[in-house]
């Protein structure tokens, strides 16, 4: 197994963070349909990307998955995706709601292990720079393997507070 994969699996096992709050499910839609949500208090409308969240999430997690050995089990992949899921959602909560406590908890948990802290910061940076315009939360997801390919079914959730 590669060093990066082992480090991420280790990081996933250590996670003891506050549970992220529940958020409403983003409805499925066709490629052409545009869904917009209002940012609380900003008065500005931001559309969710039309790309499927499962494709986006796998793209985000690709550097981590590429480090996985060819004989990785679904449980191994799940642990790595759990880390990607946690980082993705923590960045979304910070970006959308200004709630940085989840990123602070991640950073605090990794502070004593430089290698893990560096990986964490790289993942945070990747989310902000390459996927920063995607404010969907990752909800439930399921990992399966077909032939030699990992597949992930992902539920998108809406991070914006409900407006009435």
C-alpha atoms as a PDB file:
ATOM      1  CA  UNK A   1       0.000   0.000   0.000  1.00  0.00           C
ATOM      2  CA  UNK A   2       1.164   3.508  -0.700  1.00  0.00           C
ATOM      3  CA  UNK A   3       2.083   5.864   2.107  1.00  0.00           C
ATOM      4  CA  UNK A   4      -0.636   8.366   1.188  1.00  0.00           C
ATOM      5  CA  UNK A   5      -3.337   5.697   1.202  1.00  0.00           C
ATOM      6  CA  UNK A   6      -2.245   4.379   4.599  1.00  0.00           C
ATOM      7  CA  UNK A   7      -2.123   7.898   6.025  1.00  0.00           C
ATOM      8  CA  UNK A   8      -5.641   8.645   4.799  1.00  0.00           C
ATOM      9  CA  UNK A   9      -7.019   5.365   6.089  1.00  0.00           C
ATOM     10  CA  UNK A  10      -5.405   6.175   9.439  1.00  0.00           C
ATOM     11  CA  UNK A  11      -6.885   9.679   9.402  1.00  0.00           C
ATOM     12  CA  UNK A  12     -10.353   8.277   8.643  1.00  0.00           C
ATOM     13  CA  UNK A  13     -10.133   5.865  11.597  1.00  0.00           C
ATOM     14  CA  UNK A  14      -9.221   8.700  13.981  1.00  0.00           C
ATOM     15  CA  UNK A  15     -12.080  11.007  13.089  1.00  0.00           C
ATOM     16  CA  UNK A  16     -14.081  11.932  16.149  1.00  0.00           C
ATOM     17  CA  UNK A  17     -15.734  15.161  15.129  1.00  0.00           C
ATOM     18  CA  UNK A  18     -19.039  16.770  15.886  1.00  0.00           C
ATOM     19  CA  UNK A  19     -21.729  15.395  13.615  1.00  0.00           C
ATOM     20  CA  UNK A  20     -22.559  17.701  10.749  1.00  0.00           C
ATOM     21  CA  UNK A  21     -26.130  18.999  10.936  1.00  0.00           C
ATOM     22  CA  UNK A  22     -28.774  17.477   8.688  1.00  0.00           C
ATOM     23  CA  UNK A  23     -29.525  19.367   5.506  1.00  0.00           C
ATOM     24  CA  UNK A  24     -32.346  18.954   2.982  1.00  0.00           C
ATOM     25  CA  UNK A  25     -31.759  16.752  -0.055  1.00  0.00           C
ATOM     26  CA  UNK A  26     -31.170  18.576  -3.334  1.00  0.00           C
ATOM     27  CA  UNK A  27     -33.772  17.268  -5.797  1.00  0.00           C
ATOM     28  CA  UNK A  28     -32.582  15.311  -8.824  1.00  0.00           C
ATOM     29  CA  UNK A  29     -32.819  17.291 -12.026  1.00  0.00           C
ATOM     30  CA  UNK A  30     -32.014  17.088 -15.687  1.00  0.00           C
ATOM     31  CA  UNK A  31     -28.765  18.538 -17.065  1.00  0.00           C
ATOM     32  CA  UNK A  32     -30.661  21.506 -18.509  1.00  0.00           C
ATOM     33  CA  UNK A  33     -32.575  22.381 -15.373  1.00  0.00           C
ATOM     34  CA  UNK A  34     -31.009  25.100 -13.225  1.00  0.00           C
ATOM     35  CA  UNK A  35     -31.471  25.062  -9.475  1.00  0.00           C
ATOM     36  CA  UNK A  36     -30.732  28.198  -7.482  1.00  0.00           C
ATOM     37  CA  UNK A  37     -30.608  28.692  -3.761  1.00  0.00           C
ATOM     38  CA  UNK A  38     -30.423  31.958  -1.818  1.00  0.00           C
ATOM     39  CA  UNK A  39     -27.413  32.582   0.372  1.00  0.00           C
ATOM     40  CA  UNK A  40     -28.696  33.513   3.802  1.00  0.00           C
ATOM     41  CA  UNK A  41     -28.387  37.232   4.446  1.00  0.00           C
ATOM     42  CA  UNK A  42     -26.385  37.970   1.292  1.00  0.00           C
ATOM     43  CA  UNK A  43     -29.346  38.518  -1.028  1.00  0.00           C
ATOM     44  CA  UNK A  44     -27.326  36.976  -3.836  1.00  0.00           C
ATOM     45  CA  UNK A  45     -28.379  33.862  -5.733  1.00  0.00           C
ATOM     46  CA  UNK A  46     -25.858  31.133  -6.486  1.00  0.00           C
ATOM     47  CA  UNK A  47     -26.724  28.191  -8.756  1.00  0.00           C
ATOM     48  CA  UNK A  48     -25.671  24.672  -7.924  1.00  0.00           C
ATOM     49  CA  UNK A  49     -23.584  23.114 -10.704  1.00  0.00           C
ATOM     50  CA  UNK A  50     -25.443  20.873 -13.143  1.00  0.00           C
ATOM     51  CA  UNK A  51     -22.741  18.180 -13.026  1.00  0.00           C
ATOM     52  CA  UNK A  52     -23.795  15.113 -11.052  1.00  0.00           C
ATOM     53  CA  UNK A  53     -22.558  15.259  -7.460  1.00  0.00           C
ATOM     54  CA  UNK A  54     -21.236  11.694  -7.695  1.00  0.00           C
ATOM     55  CA  UNK A  55     -18.964  12.682 -10.613  1.00  0.00           C
ATOM     56  CA  UNK A  56     -17.805  15.794  -8.799  1.00  0.00           C
ATOM     57  CA  UNK A  57     -17.132  13.953  -5.544  1.00  0.00           C
ATOM     58  CA  UNK A  58     -15.140  11.224  -7.309  1.00  0.00           C
ATOM     59  CA  UNK A  59     -13.170  13.887  -9.164  1.00  0.00           C
ATOM     60  CA  UNK A  60     -12.403  15.593  -5.843  1.00  0.00           C
ATOM     61  CA  UNK A  61     -11.343  12.293  -4.239  1.00  0.00           C
ATOM     62  CA  UNK A  62      -9.343  11.046  -7.273  1.00  0.00           C
ATOM     63  CA  UNK A  63      -5.880  11.892  -5.887  1.00  0.00           C
ATOM     64  CA  UNK A  64      -6.723   9.897  -2.768  1.00  0.00           C
ATOM     65  CA  UNK A  65      -8.239   6.998  -4.683  1.00  0.00           C
ATOM     66  CA  UNK A  66      -5.288   6.892  -7.082  1.00  0.00           C
ATOM     67  CA  UNK A  67      -3.080   6.172  -4.083  1.00  0.00           C
ATOM     68  CA  UNK A  68      -5.156   3.091  -3.235  1.00  0.00           C
ATOM     69  CA  UNK A  69      -3.551  -0.268  -3.916  1.00  0.00           C
ATOM     70  CA  UNK A  70      -5.130  -2.422  -6.617  1.00  0.00           C
ATOM     71  CA  UNK A  71      -6.294  -4.907  -3.955  1.00  0.00           C
ATOM     72  CA  UNK A  72      -8.032  -2.303  -1.796  1.00  0.00           C
ATOM     73  CA  UNK A  73     -11.326  -3.467  -0.342  1.00  0.00           C
ATOM     74  CA  UNK A  74     -14.591  -1.557  -0.344  1.00  0.00           C
ATOM     75  CA  UNK A  75     -13.944  -0.868   3.350  1.00  0.00           C
ATOM     76  CA  UNK A  76     -10.535   0.669   2.515  1.00  0.00           C
ATOM     77  CA  UNK A  77     -12.095   2.861  -0.157  1.00  0.00           C
ATOM     78  CA  UNK A  78     -14.940   3.799   2.201  1.00  0.00           C
ATOM     79  CA  UNK A  79     -12.435   5.029   4.789  1.00  0.00           C
ATOM     80  CA  UNK A  80     -10.673   7.222   2.263  1.00  0.00           C
ATOM     81  CA  UNK A  81     -13.970   8.571   0.912  1.00  0.00           C
ATOM     82  CA  UNK A  82     -15.048   9.247   4.483  1.00  0.00           C
ATOM     83  CA  UNK A  83     -12.077  11.579   4.803  1.00  0.00           C
ATOM     84  CA  UNK A  84     -12.891  13.284   1.489  1.00  0.00           C
ATOM     85  CA  UNK A  85     -16.544  13.590   2.588  1.00  0.00           C
ATOM     86  CA  UNK A  86     -15.574  15.196   5.893  1.00  0.00           C
ATOM     87  CA  UNK A  87     -13.217  17.706   4.278  1.00  0.00           C
ATOM     88  CA  UNK A  88     -15.696  18.561   1.491  1.00  0.00           C
ATOM     89  CA  UNK A  89     -18.570  19.223   3.908  1.00  0.00           C
ATOM     90  CA  UNK A  90     -16.412  21.139   6.403  1.00  0.00           C
ATOM     91  CA  UNK A  91     -15.273  23.495   3.628  1.00  0.00           C
ATOM     92  CA  UNK A  92     -18.866  23.950   2.406  1.00  0.00           C
ATOM     93  CA  UNK A  93     -20.069  24.852   5.911  1.00  0.00           C
ATOM     94  CA  UNK A  94     -17.253  27.361   6.261  1.00  0.00           C
ATOM     95  CA  UNK A  95     -17.921  28.865   2.817  1.00  0.00           C
ATOM     96  CA  UNK A  96     -21.715  29.017   2.965  1.00  0.00           C
ATOM     97  CA  UNK A  97     -22.472  29.560   6.638  1.00  0.00           C
ATOM     98  CA  UNK A  98     -19.206  30.999   7.897  1.00  0.00           C
ATOM     99  CA  UNK A  99     -19.018  28.060  10.310  1.00  0.00           C
ATOM    100  CA  UNK A 100     -15.340  27.125  10.587  1.00  0.00           C
ATOM    101  CA  UNK A 101     -15.639  24.819  13.594  1.00  0.00           C
ATOM    102  CA  UNK A 102     -15.535  21.616  11.520  1.00  0.00           C
ATOM    103  CA  UNK A 103     -12.348  22.670   9.742  1.00  0.00           C
ATOM    104  CA  UNK A 104     -10.910  23.715  13.100  1.00  0.00           C
ATOM    105  CA  UNK A 105     -11.694  20.269  14.540  1.00  0.00           C
ATOM    106  CA  UNK A 106     -10.061  18.555  11.567  1.00  0.00           C
ATOM    107  CA  UNK A 107      -6.967  20.710  11.883  1.00  0.00           C
ATOM    108  CA  UNK A 108      -6.763  20.171  15.629  1.00  0.00           C
ATOM    109  CA  UNK A 109      -7.086  16.400  15.240  1.00  0.00           C
ATOM    110  CA  UNK A 110      -4.222  16.318  12.720  1.00  0.00           C
ATOM    111  CA  UNK A 111      -2.008  18.936  14.370  1.00  0.00           C
ATOM    112  CA  UNK A 112       0.321  16.452  16.059  1.00  0.00           C
ATOM    113  CA  UNK A 113       1.010  14.461  12.882  1.00  0.00           C
ATOM    114  CA  UNK A 114       2.700  16.627  10.282  1.00  0.00           C
ATOM    115  CA  UNK A 115       2.142  14.204   7.383  1.00  0.00           C
ATOM    116  CA  UNK A 116      -1.595  14.050   8.028  1.00  0.00           C
ATOM    117  CA  UNK A 117      -1.802  17.797   8.585  1.00  0.00           C
ATOM    118  CA  UNK A 118      -0.167  18.390   5.201  1.00  0.00           C
ATOM    119  CA  UNK A 119      -2.561  15.974   3.459  1.00  0.00           C
ATOM    120  CA  UNK A 120      -5.491  17.667   5.153  1.00  0.00           C
ATOM    121  CA  UNK A 121      -4.383  21.126   4.018  1.00  0.00           C
ATOM    122  CA  UNK A 122      -3.876  19.870   0.461  1.00  0.00           C
ATOM    123  CA  UNK A 123      -7.410  18.475   0.434  1.00  0.00           C
ATOM    124  CA  UNK A 124      -8.859  21.697   1.862  1.00  0.00           C
ATOM    125  CA  UNK A 125      -6.987  23.721  -0.742  1.00  0.00           C
ATOM    126  CA  UNK A 126      -8.172  21.395  -3.529  1.00  0.00           C
ATOM    127  CA  UNK A 127     -11.808  21.835  -2.478  1.00  0.00           C
ATOM    128  CA  UNK A 128     -11.500  25.617  -2.281  1.00  0.00           C
ATOM    129  CA  UNK A 129      -9.576  26.140  -5.516  1.00  0.00           C
ATOM    130  CA  UNK A 130     -10.904  23.449  -7.860  1.00  0.00           C
ATOM    131  CA  UNK A 131     -14.409  22.914  -6.482  1.00  0.00           C
ATOM    132  CA  UNK A 132     -15.027  26.176  -4.633  1.00  0.00           C
ATOM    133  CA  UNK A 133     -18.108  27.052  -6.671  1.00  0.00           C
ATOM    134  CA  UNK A 134     -19.875  23.822  -5.687  1.00  0.00           C
ATOM    135  CA  UNK A 135     -21.696  24.426  -2.415  1.00  0.00           C
ATOM    136  CA  UNK A 136     -23.653  21.179  -2.315  1.00  0.00           C
ATOM    137  CA  UNK A 137     -23.106  19.052   0.767  1.00  0.00           C
ATOM    138  CA  UNK A 138     -22.345  15.379   0.387  1.00  0.00           C
ATOM    139  CA  UNK A 139     -25.129  13.393   2.045  1.00  0.00           C
ATOM    140  CA  UNK A 140     -25.287   9.620   2.136  1.00  0.00           C
ATOM    141  CA  UNK A 141     -23.140   7.715  -0.317  1.00  0.00           C
ATOM    142  CA  UNK A 142     -22.500   4.106  -1.201  1.00  0.00           C
ATOM    143  CA  UNK A 143     -19.337   2.516  -2.612  1.00  0.00           C
ATOM    144  CA  UNK A 144     -19.527  -0.444  -4.997  1.00  0.00           C
ATOM    145  CA  UNK A 145     -17.078  -2.110  -7.332  1.00  0.00           C
ATOM    146  CA  UNK A 146     -17.944  -3.254 -10.838  1.00  0.00           C
ATOM    147  CA  UNK A 147     -15.251  -5.209 -12.587  1.00  0.00           C
ATOM    148  CA  UNK A 148     -12.101  -3.137 -11.940  1.00  0.00           C
ATOM    149  CA  UNK A 149     -13.855   0.169 -11.349  1.00  0.00           C
ATOM    150  CA  UNK A 150     -15.044   1.805  -8.128  1.00  0.00           C
ATOM    151  CA  UNK A 151     -18.460   3.432  -8.322  1.00  0.00           C
ATOM    152  CA  UNK A 152     -20.052   5.783  -5.880  1.00  0.00           C
ATOM    153  CA  UNK A 153     -23.673   6.758  -5.535  1.00  0.00           C
ATOM    154  CA  UNK A 154     -23.906  10.123  -3.789  1.00  0.00           C
ATOM    155  CA  UNK A 155     -26.761  12.174  -2.385  1.00  0.00           C
ATOM    156  CA  UNK A 156     -26.452  15.961  -2.630  1.00  0.00           C
ATOM    157  CA  UNK A 157     -27.765  18.067   0.232  1.00  0.00           C
ATOM    158  CA  UNK A 158     -28.595  21.745   0.429  1.00  0.00           C
ATOM    159  CA  UNK A 159     -26.365  23.659   2.897  1.00  0.00           C
ATOM    160  CA  UNK A 160     -28.430  26.820   2.893  1.00  0.00           C
ATOM    161  CA  UNK A 161     -30.754  27.523   5.787  1.00  0.00           C
ATOM    162  CA  UNK A 162     -34.411  27.141   4.856  1.00  0.00           C
ATOM    163  CA  UNK A 163     -36.143  30.412   4.098  1.00  0.00           C
ATOM    164  CA  UNK A 164     -39.813  30.893   4.692  1.00  0.00           C
END
